[in-house]
């Protein structure tokens, strides 16, 4: 059987993953909040973002799955922070894409 060559580059896949994570205004807003402070607990985010906690949880899950945000469980709270390495990588990929 013939080997199929990968069509998309690793960078294109990463850029698409980050773009998908940032494709909703709530997720952009969450990233904006997190970019201005070291970390934030889920309860504090729930007070900042005017949506149901379950909806906030789904948006945080998308951001975590993309690698832009990381969560640390400190029962009964979860502390969220930007993943600074992936955040910098996303910035660079978008910068190169829009040059």
C-alpha atoms as a PDB file:
ATOM      1  CA  UNK A   1       0.000   0.000   0.000  1.00  0.00           C
ATOM      2  CA  UNK A   2       1.255   3.469  -0.924  1.00  0.00           C
ATOM      3  CA  UNK A   3       2.278   5.831   1.886  1.00  0.00           C
ATOM      4  CA  UNK A   4       0.253   9.037   1.936  1.00  0.00           C
ATOM      5  CA  UNK A   5       2.325  12.175   2.365  1.00  0.00           C
ATOM      6  CA  UNK A   6       1.143  14.577   5.045  1.00  0.00           C
ATOM      7  CA  UNK A   7      -0.253  17.636   3.298  1.00  0.00           C
ATOM      8  CA  UNK A   8      -0.255  20.132   6.183  1.00  0.00           C
ATOM      9  CA  UNK A   9       2.861  21.207   8.023  1.00  0.00           C
ATOM     10  CA  UNK A  10       3.216  20.911  11.793  1.00  0.00           C
ATOM     11  CA  UNK A  11       3.089  24.714  11.988  1.00  0.00           C
ATOM     12  CA  UNK A  12      -0.149  24.875   9.982  1.00  0.00           C
ATOM     13  CA  UNK A  13      -1.761  22.298  12.269  1.00  0.00           C
ATOM     14  CA  UNK A  14      -0.675  24.199  15.379  1.00  0.00           C
ATOM     15  CA  UNK A  15      -1.897  27.514  13.950  1.00  0.00           C
ATOM     16  CA  UNK A  16      -5.278  25.955  13.152  1.00  0.00           C
ATOM     17  CA  UNK A  17      -5.518  24.489  16.673  1.00  0.00           C
ATOM     18  CA  UNK A  18      -4.790  27.879  18.269  1.00  0.00           C
ATOM     19  CA  UNK A  19      -7.146  29.678  15.861  1.00  0.00           C
ATOM     20  CA  UNK A  20      -9.950  27.261  16.705  1.00  0.00           C
ATOM     21  CA  UNK A  21      -9.386  27.830  20.424  1.00  0.00           C
ATOM     22  CA  UNK A  22      -9.597  31.592  19.918  1.00  0.00           C
ATOM     23  CA  UNK A  23     -12.624  31.411  17.603  1.00  0.00           C
ATOM     24  CA  UNK A  24     -15.116  32.420  20.291  1.00  0.00           C
ATOM     25  CA  UNK A  25     -15.227  35.859  21.943  1.00  0.00           C
ATOM     26  CA  UNK A  26     -15.555  34.320  25.424  1.00  0.00           C
ATOM     27  CA  UNK A  27     -12.318  32.382  24.956  1.00  0.00           C
ATOM     28  CA  UNK A  28     -10.556  35.505  23.665  1.00  0.00           C
ATOM     29  CA  UNK A  29     -11.830  37.370  26.741  1.00  0.00           C
ATOM     30  CA  UNK A  30     -10.621  34.601  29.083  1.00  0.00           C
ATOM     31  CA  UNK A  31      -7.158  34.702  27.488  1.00  0.00           C
ATOM     32  CA  UNK A  32      -7.129  38.476  27.825  1.00  0.00           C
ATOM     33  CA  UNK A  33      -7.919  38.193  31.549  1.00  0.00           C
ATOM     34  CA  UNK A  34      -5.243  35.529  32.063  1.00  0.00           C
ATOM     35  CA  UNK A  35      -2.646  37.498  30.087  1.00  0.00           C
ATOM     36  CA  UNK A  36      -2.915  40.349  32.589  1.00  0.00           C
ATOM     37  CA  UNK A  37      -2.249  38.278  35.711  1.00  0.00           C
ATOM     38  CA  UNK A  38      -0.187  35.308  36.788  1.00  0.00           C
ATOM     39  CA  UNK A  39      -3.139  32.947  37.324  1.00  0.00           C
ATOM     40  CA  UNK A  40      -6.826  32.982  38.162  1.00  0.00           C
ATOM     41  CA  UNK A  41      -9.109  30.587  40.035  1.00  0.00           C
ATOM     42  CA  UNK A  42     -12.188  29.235  38.298  1.00  0.00           C
ATOM     43  CA  UNK A  43     -14.497  30.951  40.810  1.00  0.00           C
ATOM     44  CA  UNK A  44     -12.879  34.317  40.094  1.00  0.00           C
ATOM     45  CA  UNK A  45     -13.270  33.766  36.353  1.00  0.00           C
ATOM     46  CA  UNK A  46     -16.944  32.929  36.882  1.00  0.00           C
ATOM     47  CA  UNK A  47     -17.394  36.349  38.480  1.00  0.00           C
ATOM     48  CA  UNK A  48     -15.580  38.085  35.585  1.00  0.00           C
ATOM     49  CA  UNK A  49     -17.269  36.303  32.688  1.00  0.00           C
ATOM     50  CA  UNK A  50     -21.064  36.723  32.529  1.00  0.00           C
ATOM     51  CA  UNK A  51     -21.961  33.171  31.500  1.00  0.00           C
ATOM     52  CA  UNK A  52     -23.090  30.002  33.280  1.00  0.00           C
ATOM     53  CA  UNK A  53     -20.335  28.117  35.107  1.00  0.00           C
ATOM     54  CA  UNK A  54     -20.953  25.033  32.981  1.00  0.00           C
ATOM     55  CA  UNK A  55     -20.463  27.099  29.813  1.00  0.00           C
ATOM     56  CA  UNK A  56     -17.320  28.680  31.257  1.00  0.00           C
ATOM     57  CA  UNK A  57     -16.037  25.205  32.037  1.00  0.00           C
ATOM     58  CA  UNK A  58     -16.541  24.131  28.413  1.00  0.00           C
ATOM     59  CA  UNK A  59     -14.656  27.177  27.130  1.00  0.00           C
ATOM     60  CA  UNK A  60     -11.789  26.535  29.565  1.00  0.00           C
ATOM     61  CA  UNK A  61     -11.705  22.919  28.392  1.00  0.00           C
ATOM     62  CA  UNK A  62     -11.302  24.066  24.772  1.00  0.00           C
ATOM     63  CA  UNK A  63      -8.483  26.418  25.768  1.00  0.00           C
ATOM     64  CA  UNK A  64      -6.782  23.655  27.763  1.00  0.00           C
ATOM     65  CA  UNK A  65      -7.131  21.174  24.880  1.00  0.00           C
ATOM     66  CA  UNK A  66      -5.438  23.660  22.559  1.00  0.00           C
ATOM     67  CA  UNK A  67      -2.557  24.064  24.993  1.00  0.00           C
ATOM     68  CA  UNK A  68      -3.032  27.828  25.425  1.00  0.00           C
ATOM     69  CA  UNK A  69      -4.242  27.465  29.021  1.00  0.00           C
ATOM     70  CA  UNK A  70      -3.209  25.093  31.773  1.00  0.00           C
ATOM     71  CA  UNK A  71      -5.142  24.201  34.895  1.00  0.00           C
ATOM     72  CA  UNK A  72      -3.884  23.094  38.279  1.00  0.00           C
ATOM     73  CA  UNK A  73      -6.332  21.423  40.637  1.00  0.00           C
ATOM     74  CA  UNK A  74      -6.160  22.663  44.233  1.00  0.00           C
ATOM     75  CA  UNK A  75      -9.349  21.193  45.724  1.00  0.00           C
ATOM     76  CA  UNK A  76     -11.937  22.550  45.742  1.00  0.00           C
ATOM     77  CA  UNK A  77     -10.656  25.102  43.198  1.00  0.00           C
ATOM     78  CA  UNK A  78      -8.896  24.962  39.863  1.00  0.00           C
ATOM     79  CA  UNK A  79      -6.213  27.536  39.107  1.00  0.00           C
ATOM     80  CA  UNK A  80      -5.904  28.548  35.453  1.00  0.00           C
ATOM     81  CA  UNK A  81      -2.895  30.192  33.828  1.00  0.00           C
ATOM     82  CA  UNK A  82      -1.745  30.835  30.297  1.00  0.00           C
ATOM     83  CA  UNK A  83       0.733  28.274  29.082  1.00  0.00           C
ATOM     84  CA  UNK A  84       3.432  30.856  28.402  1.00  0.00           C
ATOM     85  CA  UNK A  85       5.424  28.635  26.033  1.00  0.00           C
ATOM     86  CA  UNK A  86       2.405  27.818  23.843  1.00  0.00           C
ATOM     87  CA  UNK A  87       1.106  31.397  24.099  1.00  0.00           C
ATOM     88  CA  UNK A  88       4.441  32.662  22.724  1.00  0.00           C
ATOM     89  CA  UNK A  89       4.372  30.004  20.014  1.00  0.00           C
ATOM     90  CA  UNK A  90       0.826  31.010  19.002  1.00  0.00           C
ATOM     91  CA  UNK A  91       1.863  34.665  18.852  1.00  0.00           C
ATOM     92  CA  UNK A  92       4.795  33.794  16.596  1.00  0.00           C
ATOM     93  CA  UNK A  93       2.717  31.556  14.321  1.00  0.00           C
ATOM     94  CA  UNK A  94       0.030  34.225  13.889  1.00  0.00           C
ATOM     95  CA  UNK A  95       2.690  36.884  13.311  1.00  0.00           C
ATOM     96  CA  UNK A  96       4.294  34.783  10.547  1.00  0.00           C
ATOM     97  CA  UNK A  97       0.907  33.964   9.056  1.00  0.00           C
ATOM     98  CA  UNK A  98      -0.199  37.613   8.846  1.00  0.00           C
ATOM     99  CA  UNK A  99       3.122  39.060   7.654  1.00  0.00           C
END
